[in-house]
Protein backbone atom coordinates (compact mmCIF):
# COMPACT_ATOMS: atom_id res chain seq x y z
CA MET A 1 20.12 14.45 -0.78
CA LYS A 2 18.88 12.71 2.36
CA CYS A 3 15.54 10.87 2.54
CA LEU A 4 13.58 9.70 5.57
CA VAL A 5 11.37 6.66 4.98
CA THR A 6 8.69 5.61 7.49
CA GLY A 7 7.32 2.08 7.62
CA ALA A 8 10.71 0.87 6.44
CA ALA A 9 10.12 -2.66 7.72
CA GLY A 10 7.13 -3.30 5.46
CA PHE A 11 6.94 -4.50 1.89
CA ILE A 12 6.57 -1.08 0.27
CA GLY A 13 8.72 0.83 2.77
CA SER A 14 11.66 -1.59 2.56
CA SER A 15 11.39 -1.53 -1.24
CA VAL A 16 11.49 2.28 -1.19
CA VAL A 17 14.63 2.21 0.98
CA SER A 18 16.39 -0.20 -1.41
CA ARG A 19 15.44 1.83 -4.48
CA LEU A 20 16.60 5.12 -2.94
CA ILE A 21 19.95 3.57 -2.02
CA ARG A 22 20.36 2.36 -5.61
CA GLU A 23 19.48 5.86 -6.87
CA GLY A 24 22.28 7.34 -4.78
CA TYR A 25 20.25 8.95 -1.99
CA GLN A 26 21.27 8.89 1.67
CA VAL A 27 18.52 7.16 3.63
CA LYS A 28 17.24 7.22 7.18
CA ALA A 29 14.69 4.46 7.75
CA ILE A 30 12.20 4.48 10.63
CA ILE A 31 11.10 1.08 11.89
CA HIS A 32 8.80 0.27 14.81
CA ASN A 33 8.46 -3.29 16.09
CA SER A 34 9.25 -5.30 12.96
CA ILE A 35 12.52 -6.29 11.34
CA PRO A 36 12.90 -5.05 7.73
CA LEU A 37 12.29 -7.64 5.02
CA LYS A 38 15.62 -6.63 3.56
CA LYS A 39 18.14 -4.49 5.42
CA GLU A 40 20.33 -2.14 3.40
CA ASP A 41 23.88 -1.74 4.72
CA LYS A 42 24.01 1.89 3.56
CA ALA A 43 20.75 2.91 5.25
CA GLU A 44 20.56 4.29 8.80
CA TYR A 45 17.79 2.48 10.69
CA ILE A 46 16.04 4.30 13.51
CA THR A 47 13.55 2.73 15.91
CA GLY A 48 10.63 5.05 16.54
CA ASP A 49 6.88 5.39 16.86
CA ILE A 50 5.18 7.95 14.63
CA THR A 51 2.36 8.32 17.18
CA ASP A 52 4.98 9.62 19.66
CA ILE A 53 6.43 12.79 18.15
CA ASN A 54 9.30 12.93 20.63
CA SER A 55 10.54 9.47 19.61
CA ILE A 56 11.10 10.49 15.99
CA LYS A 57 12.03 14.19 16.02
CA GLU A 58 15.80 13.54 15.99
CA ALA A 59 15.40 11.57 12.76
CA PHE A 60 14.34 14.72 10.89
CA LYS A 61 17.63 16.56 11.24
CA ASP A 62 19.25 17.27 7.86
CA VAL A 63 16.44 15.51 5.96
CA ASP A 64 15.44 16.80 2.51
CA TYR A 65 12.64 14.39 1.62
CA VAL A 66 10.15 12.30 3.59
CA ILE A 67 8.46 9.25 2.08
CA HIS A 68 5.69 8.23 4.47
CA CYS A 69 4.83 4.55 4.04
CA ALA A 70 3.96 3.64 7.64
CA ALA A 71 0.32 2.71 8.20
CA HIS A 72 -2.03 0.48 10.13
CA VAL A 73 -3.27 -1.69 7.27
CA ASN A 74 -6.25 -3.94 7.87
CA ASP A 75 -9.81 -4.37 6.65
CA TYR A 76 -11.26 -4.66 10.16
CA GLY A 77 -10.31 -4.01 13.78
CA LEU A 78 -10.50 -1.46 16.58
CA GLN A 79 -10.79 2.18 15.57
CA GLN A 80 -7.99 3.56 17.73
CA PRO A 81 -4.92 2.15 15.91
CA PHE A 82 -6.24 3.42 12.56
CA TYR A 83 -6.75 6.95 13.89
CA ASP A 84 -3.56 6.98 15.97
CA ILE A 85 -1.24 5.76 13.20
CA ASN A 86 -2.83 6.72 9.89
CA TYR A 87 -4.16 10.14 10.91
CA HIS A 88 -2.41 11.44 14.04
CA GLY A 89 0.89 9.79 13.10
CA THR A 90 0.79 11.54 9.72
CA LYS A 91 0.06 14.87 11.44
CA ASN A 92 3.13 14.36 13.64
CA LEU A 93 5.31 13.75 10.61
CA ALA A 94 3.93 16.82 8.84
CA ILE A 95 4.59 19.01 11.91
CA LEU A 96 8.20 17.83 12.10
CA SER A 97 8.66 18.15 8.32
CA GLU A 98 7.53 21.77 8.52
CA LYS A 99 9.76 22.47 11.53
CA TYR A 100 12.85 21.06 9.78
CA ASN A 101 12.05 22.60 6.36
CA VAL A 102 11.65 19.35 4.46
CA LYS A 103 11.54 19.98 0.70
CA ARG A 104 9.07 17.22 -0.22
CA PHE A 105 6.63 15.05 1.76
CA ILE A 106 5.45 12.00 -0.18
CA PHE A 107 2.36 10.43 1.39
CA LEU A 108 1.28 6.94 0.33
CA SER A 109 -2.49 6.89 0.57
CA HIS A 110 -5.32 4.76 -0.80
CA ILE A 111 -7.27 4.72 -4.06
CA ARG A 112 -10.90 5.67 -3.52
CA TYR A 113 -13.09 2.98 -4.97
CA GLU A 114 -14.92 1.14 -2.18
CA SER A 115 -18.66 1.49 -1.65
CA SER A 116 -19.34 4.35 0.77
CA SER A 117 -21.63 2.08 2.81
CA ASP A 118 -18.71 -0.26 3.54
CA PHE A 119 -15.90 2.27 3.76
CA GLY A 120 -13.17 0.71 5.91
CA LEU A 121 -11.29 2.49 8.67
CA TYR A 122 -8.04 2.19 6.74
CA ALA A 123 -9.43 4.12 3.78
CA LYS A 124 -11.29 6.58 6.01
CA THR A 125 -8.24 7.52 8.08
CA LYS A 126 -5.99 7.70 5.03
CA HIS A 127 -8.38 10.16 3.43
CA MET A 128 -8.59 12.19 6.65
CA ALA A 129 -4.80 12.44 6.54
CA GLU A 130 -4.94 13.48 2.88
CA ASN A 131 -7.35 16.29 3.68
CA PHE A 132 -5.13 17.50 6.51
CA LEU A 133 -2.04 17.54 4.29
CA LEU A 134 -3.79 19.29 1.41
CA GLU A 135 -5.10 21.96 3.80
CA LYS A 136 -1.52 22.52 4.97
CA TYR A 137 -0.50 22.91 1.33
CA LYS A 138 -3.24 25.48 0.72
CA GLU A 139 -2.44 27.42 3.89
CA ASN A 140 1.37 27.23 4.03
CA ASN A 141 2.53 25.72 0.73
CA PHE A 142 3.42 22.53 2.57
CA PRO A 143 5.31 20.48 -0.07
CA VAL A 144 3.07 17.41 -0.04
CA VAL A 145 2.62 14.90 -2.85
CA ILE A 146 -0.08 12.26 -2.45
CA ILE A 147 0.41 8.88 -4.13
CA ARG A 148 -2.55 6.48 -4.20
CA PRO A 149 -1.37 3.01 -5.25
CA GLY A 150 -3.60 0.19 -6.44
CA ASN A 151 -3.11 -3.41 -5.27
CA VAL A 152 0.68 -3.46 -4.93
CA TYR A 153 2.20 -6.84 -5.70
CA GLY A 154 5.57 -8.32 -6.54
CA PRO A 155 8.42 -10.20 -4.83
CA GLY A 156 8.06 -9.72 -1.07
CA ALA A 157 4.36 -8.79 -1.13
CA THR A 158 2.45 -10.15 1.84
CA ILE A 159 -1.16 -9.09 1.26
CA TRP A 160 -1.50 -9.62 -2.48
CA VAL A 161 0.86 -12.58 -2.90
CA LEU A 162 1.69 -14.60 0.22
CA ARG A 163 -1.71 -14.38 1.93
CA ILE A 164 -3.50 -15.37 -1.25
CA LEU A 165 -1.03 -18.20 -1.85
CA GLU A 166 -1.58 -19.48 1.70
CA SER A 167 -5.36 -19.42 1.20
CA LEU A 168 -4.98 -21.27 -2.09
CA LYS A 169 -2.85 -23.95 -0.43
CA LYS A 170 -5.45 -24.43 2.32
CA ASN A 171 -8.37 -24.26 -0.15
CA ARG A 172 -9.83 -21.39 1.86
CA ILE A 173 -10.59 -18.94 -0.89
CA SER A 174 -13.73 -18.17 -2.87
CA LEU A 175 -14.53 -16.14 -5.92
CA ILE A 176 -17.11 -13.41 -5.45
CA ASP A 177 -19.49 -12.81 -8.36
CA ASP A 178 -17.41 -15.31 -10.41
CA GLY A 179 -14.22 -13.31 -9.78
CA LYS A 180 -15.13 -10.72 -12.42
CA GLY A 181 -13.90 -7.77 -10.35
CA ILE A 182 -10.82 -5.91 -11.61
CA PHE A 183 -7.46 -6.61 -10.01
CA LEU A 184 -5.94 -3.11 -9.93
CA HIS A 185 -2.46 -4.58 -10.09
CA THR A 186 0.42 -2.24 -9.39
CA TYR A 187 3.83 -3.85 -9.68
CA ILE A 188 6.14 -2.65 -6.91
CA ASP A 189 8.84 -1.34 -9.27
CA ASN A 190 6.26 0.72 -11.14
CA LEU A 191 5.13 2.32 -7.88
CA LEU A 192 8.76 3.03 -6.96
CA ASP A 193 9.20 4.76 -10.34
CA ALA A 194 6.26 7.05 -9.49
CA ILE A 195 7.73 7.88 -6.07
CA ILE A 196 11.13 8.77 -7.54
CA LEU A 197 9.48 10.90 -10.23
CA SER A 198 7.45 12.76 -7.59
CA LEU A 199 10.65 13.56 -5.68
CA LYS A 200 12.21 15.18 -8.72
CA ASN A 201 9.23 17.05 -10.20
CA LYS A 202 8.26 20.40 -8.61
CA GLN A 203 4.93 20.30 -10.45
CA ALA A 204 3.94 17.35 -8.27
CA ILE A 205 3.71 19.47 -5.11
CA GLY A 206 0.12 19.87 -3.91
CA GLU A 207 -1.12 17.15 -6.26
CA ASP A 208 -2.53 13.65 -5.80
CA PHE A 209 -1.80 10.80 -8.18
CA ASN A 210 -3.44 7.43 -8.69
CA ILE A 211 -0.80 4.83 -9.55
CA THR A 212 -1.63 1.47 -11.12
CA ASP A 213 -0.32 -0.59 -14.03
CA ASP A 214 -3.10 0.94 -16.17
CA ASP A 215 -4.43 -2.49 -17.15
CA TYR A 216 -8.08 -3.31 -16.48
CA SER A 217 -8.17 -6.67 -18.28
CA ILE A 218 -6.98 -8.75 -15.31
CA THR A 219 -9.80 -10.05 -13.14
CA TRP A 220 -9.42 -11.45 -9.65
CA LYS A 221 -10.28 -14.89 -11.03
CA LYS A 222 -7.43 -14.69 -13.52
CA TYR A 223 -4.99 -13.54 -10.85
CA PHE A 224 -6.04 -16.27 -8.41
CA ASP A 225 -5.84 -18.88 -11.16
CA ASP A 226 -2.43 -17.63 -12.29
CA LEU A 227 -1.06 -17.82 -8.75
CA ALA A 228 -2.56 -21.29 -8.38
CA GLU A 229 -0.89 -22.39 -11.61
CA ILE A 230 2.47 -21.04 -10.44
CA ALA A 231 2.11 -23.05 -7.23
CA LYS A 232 0.81 -26.13 -9.11
CA LEU A 233 -2.52 -25.93 -7.28
CA LYS A 234 -6.07 -26.31 -8.52
CA PRO A 235 -7.84 -23.14 -9.70
CA VAL A 236 -10.45 -21.61 -7.42
CA SER A 237 -13.87 -23.15 -8.08
CA ARG A 238 -15.89 -22.02 -5.06
CA ASN A 239 -18.08 -18.98 -5.74
CA ILE A 240 -20.53 -16.80 -3.80
CA SER A 241 -22.53 -13.74 -4.77
CA LYS A 242 -21.55 -10.26 -3.65
CA LYS A 243 -24.81 -9.95 -1.71
CA THR A 244 -24.10 -13.16 0.20
CA ALA A 245 -20.45 -12.23 0.74
CA LEU A 246 -21.41 -8.84 2.19
CA ARG A 247 -23.93 -10.46 4.51
CA ILE A 248 -21.34 -12.96 5.73
CA GLY A 249 -18.73 -10.22 6.06
CA ARG A 250 -20.94 -8.06 8.27
CA ILE A 251 -21.78 -11.04 10.48
CA MET A 252 -18.07 -11.88 10.79
CA ILE A 253 -17.21 -8.29 11.77
CA PHE A 254 -19.87 -8.51 14.49
CA LEU A 255 -18.47 -11.86 15.72
CA ASN A 256 -14.98 -10.39 15.72
CA LYS A 257 -16.08 -7.50 17.93
CA ILE A 258 -17.86 -9.80 20.41
CA PHE A 259 -15.81 -13.01 20.36
CA LYS A 260 -12.55 -11.90 18.63
CA ILE A 261 -13.08 -14.47 15.87
CA LYS A 262 -10.84 -13.67 12.91
CA PRO A 263 -13.03 -13.00 9.85
CA TRP A 264 -12.20 -14.78 6.62
CA VAL A 265 -14.18 -12.21 4.63
CA THR A 266 -15.06 -8.58 5.38
CA PRO A 267 -17.21 -5.95 3.65
CA VAL A 268 -14.03 -4.09 2.70
CA SER A 269 -12.46 -7.15 1.04
CA VAL A 270 -15.75 -7.85 -0.79
CA ASN A 271 -15.71 -4.35 -2.25
CA ILE A 272 -12.10 -4.72 -3.34
CA LEU A 273 -12.81 -8.07 -5.02
CA THR A 274 -15.90 -6.73 -6.82
CA ASN A 275 -14.48 -3.42 -8.01
CA TYR A 276 -15.30 -2.66 -11.65
CA ASP A 277 -14.07 0.95 -11.75
CA HIS A 278 -11.29 1.99 -14.12
CA ILE A 279 -8.99 4.23 -12.11
CA SER A 280 -7.45 6.95 -14.25
CA ILE A 281 -3.70 7.50 -14.04
CA GLU A 282 -3.68 10.19 -16.72
CA LYS A 283 -2.55 12.90 -14.30
CA ALA A 284 0.49 10.81 -13.31
CA LYS A 285 1.30 10.20 -16.99
CA LYS A 286 0.98 13.89 -17.83
CA LEU A 287 2.60 15.62 -14.83
CA LEU A 288 5.06 12.98 -13.62
CA LYS A 289 5.76 11.43 -17.03
CA TYR A 290 4.92 8.11 -15.36
CA SER A 291 4.94 5.02 -17.55
CA ILE A 292 4.53 1.32 -16.89
CA LYS A 293 7.84 -0.51 -17.14
CA VAL A 294 6.74 -3.92 -15.79
CA ASN A 295 3.51 -5.41 -17.19
CA TYR A 296 1.36 -8.15 -15.68
CA GLU A 297 3.06 -11.06 -17.44
CA GLU A 298 6.52 -9.85 -16.43
CA GLY A 299 5.29 -9.24 -12.88
CA LEU A 300 4.02 -12.83 -12.59
CA LYS A 301 7.31 -14.17 -13.90
CA LYS A 302 9.24 -12.23 -11.25
CA ILE A 303 6.86 -13.45 -8.52
CA ASN A 304 7.33 -17.04 -9.70
CA GLU A 305 11.12 -16.70 -9.54
CA TRP A 306 10.95 -15.13 -6.08
CA LEU A 307 8.58 -17.76 -4.66
CA ILE A 308 10.92 -20.50 -5.85
CA SER A 309 14.06 -18.75 -4.55
CA GLU A 310 12.45 -18.30 -1.11
CA ASN A 311 11.14 -21.90 -1.03
CA TYR A 312 7.47 -20.89 -0.88
CA ILE A 313 6.92 -23.21 -3.84
CA LYS A 314 8.98 -25.89 -5.57
């Protein structure tokens, strides 16, 4: 069986490619401007732009499965890249998948938990793409499966490991509402398990699945403090209220639009760090037979080992 993976240069996409190779699949991997974090000798890498349908159509020949990981991921910025990549790019992939009779289209989306008043463009365009794909399923039995991961972390993670570690080192990080929000941790290998299960299970077609580690006991404060301990840094002591953080975030978004100043906090990040919702993964457990293989403690241990091996910490 041959798989096509988009966003194969990113943390999740490159991890998907490696896992598929280990599982015995043939893999075509679409990359854009970035070099993959880890290149697999057995994968075929193709340079393309999902917003340009002609640049990627040849990649779909003889493909059985598509795992769509490519996305414009940010909590602020101009509208156009979000719409072009996350929505129109997904439409292009779906059109080509239909043309070449792809058997399964796995779409990595976004868990819905932010406040509607501060709904970021990333989440908005991901959900627009979801709606488009589900309509195609209803109309033409398009073989889509939607996976909505939580905060994906593990060795190689940029957003939820390296960026936080860098902020800790520079003492540029604050708790919001005492860091009591829930860290919806999703260890990368657990997410990969869910993706493989969704490839093999026909009942998954036309369904959407939330995927987390099903553990709501880990707060952002605990995660920040645990990362700080790994790096032999002081725990985070600075704290601001959610109300203040939102006010600052909205001001910083305004300053970014006018003066291109990079915000250190945004309304979207505030909502993520103050999420208290328990996201059910019961459907994934029931239909996919998904189970958590790597828990939080094991995940931290693996991150520690990776950070040392890559000389991020001593």
